[in-house]
């Protein structure tokens, strides 16, 4: 397979991976304040995403694949709020292990990576178009 098609395929796999990453980050941010519904129940647990690089045997292109979507096993923070519906007998409520600042940084990084892959696709398409124009004019 030609290098431009391989670049398109690689960038497309990156777009898909970053799209899923953005969805996971958005879900974490949306649930940053989601506590359990009953006393002592665990709140929302932050999701994590893992990527792996693999070689596509057909094209020879290096592809990005989502290896896993897992859970962050870090501790939940605890807050004193005796009026909360999820408060235990001591008035303590477990809060999600989501740090909004970390999620914002992750979202920004995923967005930039998505844009870089999109720019790669645009450049490859432009080069393919220029090649076709050169072939047309030379015949």
Protein backbone atom coordinates (compact mmCIF):
# COMPACT_ATOMS: atom_id res chain seq x y z
CA UNK A 1 0.00 0.00 0.00
CA UNK A 2 1.25 3.46 -0.78
CA UNK A 3 2.46 5.76 2.02
CA UNK A 4 -0.39 8.26 1.62
CA UNK A 5 -3.04 5.57 2.06
CA UNK A 6 -1.16 4.23 5.07
CA UNK A 7 -1.06 7.74 6.55
CA UNK A 8 -4.81 8.08 6.00
CA UNK A 9 -5.45 4.75 7.70
CA UNK A 10 -3.18 5.57 10.64
CA UNK A 11 -4.77 9.00 11.15
CA UNK A 12 -8.26 7.50 10.90
CA UNK A 13 -7.45 5.03 13.67
CA UNK A 14 -6.14 7.93 15.76
CA UNK A 15 -9.36 9.89 15.15
CA UNK A 16 -11.46 6.96 16.32
CA UNK A 17 -9.33 6.39 19.43
CA UNK A 18 -9.39 10.06 20.44
CA UNK A 19 -13.12 10.24 19.82
CA UNK A 20 -13.68 7.41 22.30
CA UNK A 21 -11.25 9.06 24.71
CA UNK A 22 -13.24 12.31 24.55
CA UNK A 23 -16.44 10.38 25.24
CA UNK A 24 -14.90 8.74 28.33
CA UNK A 25 -13.61 12.10 29.62
CA UNK A 26 -17.02 13.71 29.05
CA UNK A 27 -18.69 10.89 30.97
CA UNK A 28 -16.24 11.34 33.86
CA UNK A 29 -16.90 15.09 33.96
CA UNK A 30 -20.66 14.62 33.78
CA UNK A 31 -20.50 12.29 36.79
CA UNK A 32 -17.96 14.26 38.85
CA UNK A 33 -20.60 14.89 41.54
CA UNK A 34 -22.58 11.64 41.26
CA UNK A 35 -22.73 10.00 44.66
CA UNK A 36 -24.32 6.73 45.64
CA UNK A 37 -28.09 6.67 45.97
CA UNK A 38 -28.15 4.92 49.36
CA UNK A 39 -26.15 5.42 52.56
CA UNK A 40 -22.65 3.95 52.33
CA UNK A 41 -23.03 3.16 48.62
CA UNK A 42 -20.07 3.81 46.36
CA UNK A 43 -20.25 6.86 44.06
CA UNK A 44 -19.38 7.01 40.37
CA UNK A 45 -15.96 5.52 39.71
CA UNK A 46 -13.75 7.33 37.20
CA UNK A 47 -13.22 5.53 33.90
CA UNK A 48 -9.82 5.23 32.28
CA UNK A 49 -8.85 4.32 28.74
CA UNK A 50 -5.82 2.45 27.48
CA UNK A 51 -4.38 2.46 23.97
CA UNK A 52 -2.11 0.06 22.16
CA UNK A 53 -0.16 0.47 18.92
CA UNK A 54 -0.38 -2.37 16.44
CA UNK A 55 0.87 -3.00 12.95
CA UNK A 56 -1.82 -3.52 10.32
CA UNK A 57 -0.68 -6.61 8.38
CA UNK A 58 -2.58 -5.59 5.24
CA UNK A 59 -1.25 -2.06 4.91
CA UNK A 60 1.91 -2.11 7.02
CA UNK A 61 0.64 1.00 8.81
CA UNK A 62 1.00 1.52 12.53
CA UNK A 63 -2.51 1.75 13.98
CA UNK A 64 -3.89 2.90 17.31
CA UNK A 65 -6.40 0.60 18.98
CA UNK A 66 -8.30 0.92 22.23
CA UNK A 67 -6.95 -1.78 24.50
CA UNK A 68 -9.33 -1.28 27.40
CA UNK A 69 -11.77 0.98 29.15
CA UNK A 70 -11.30 0.37 32.83
CA UNK A 71 -11.96 1.87 36.23
CA UNK A 72 -9.69 4.08 38.32
CA UNK A 73 -9.14 2.26 41.62
CA UNK A 74 -8.01 5.33 43.55
CA UNK A 75 -9.74 6.13 46.81
CA UNK A 76 -12.98 8.05 46.96
CA UNK A 77 -12.89 11.29 48.88
CA UNK A 78 -15.17 11.56 51.88
CA UNK A 79 -17.11 14.64 52.93
CA UNK A 80 -19.21 15.41 55.98
CA UNK A 81 -22.77 16.10 54.80
CA UNK A 82 -25.32 14.61 57.21
CA UNK A 83 -28.28 15.91 55.16
CA UNK A 84 -27.24 14.03 52.01
CA UNK A 85 -29.27 10.99 50.99
CA UNK A 86 -26.07 8.91 50.62
CA UNK A 87 -24.67 9.86 54.04
CA UNK A 88 -23.77 6.98 56.35
CA UNK A 89 -24.62 6.86 60.06
CA UNK A 90 -21.72 9.27 60.78
CA UNK A 91 -22.92 11.79 58.17
CA UNK A 92 -20.07 10.99 55.79
CA UNK A 93 -20.67 10.84 52.02
CA UNK A 94 -18.33 9.16 49.52
CA UNK A 95 -17.58 11.40 46.54
CA UNK A 96 -16.39 10.26 43.10
CA UNK A 97 -12.67 9.92 42.43
CA UNK A 98 -12.95 12.34 39.50
CA UNK A 99 -10.69 15.40 39.47
CA UNK A 100 -12.22 17.90 37.06
CA UNK A 101 -8.86 19.62 36.45
CA UNK A 102 -7.28 16.32 35.40
CA UNK A 103 -10.25 15.60 33.15
CA UNK A 104 -10.02 19.05 31.56
CA UNK A 105 -6.31 18.52 30.84
CA UNK A 106 -7.06 15.08 29.40
CA UNK A 107 -9.85 16.55 27.27
CA UNK A 108 -7.57 19.25 25.94
CA UNK A 109 -4.88 16.72 25.08
CA UNK A 110 -7.38 14.41 23.36
CA UNK A 111 -8.81 17.35 21.42
CA UNK A 112 -5.36 18.43 20.21
CA UNK A 113 -4.51 14.88 19.19
CA UNK A 114 -7.83 14.60 17.34
CA UNK A 115 -7.10 17.85 15.50
CA UNK A 116 -3.58 16.67 14.60
CA UNK A 117 -4.96 13.45 13.11
CA UNK A 118 -7.58 15.44 11.22
CA UNK A 119 -4.88 17.72 9.83
CA UNK A 120 -2.90 14.66 8.72
CA UNK A 121 -5.93 13.42 6.79
CA UNK A 122 -6.42 16.83 5.17
CA UNK A 123 -2.76 17.00 4.12
CA UNK A 124 -2.80 13.46 2.70
CA UNK A 125 -5.96 14.20 0.72
CA UNK A 126 -4.38 17.36 -0.64
CA UNK A 127 -1.26 15.46 -1.69
CA UNK A 128 -3.37 12.77 -3.39
CA UNK A 129 -5.32 15.48 -5.21
CA UNK A 130 -2.11 17.20 -6.32
CA UNK A 131 -0.75 13.88 -7.60
CA UNK A 132 -3.91 13.26 -9.62
CA UNK A 133 -3.66 16.78 -11.09
CA UNK A 134 -0.01 16.17 -12.04
CA UNK A 135 -0.92 12.89 -13.73
CA UNK A 136 -3.71 14.60 -15.65
CA UNK A 137 -1.51 17.42 -16.94
CA UNK A 138 1.34 15.12 -17.94
CA UNK A 139 -0.81 12.94 -20.20
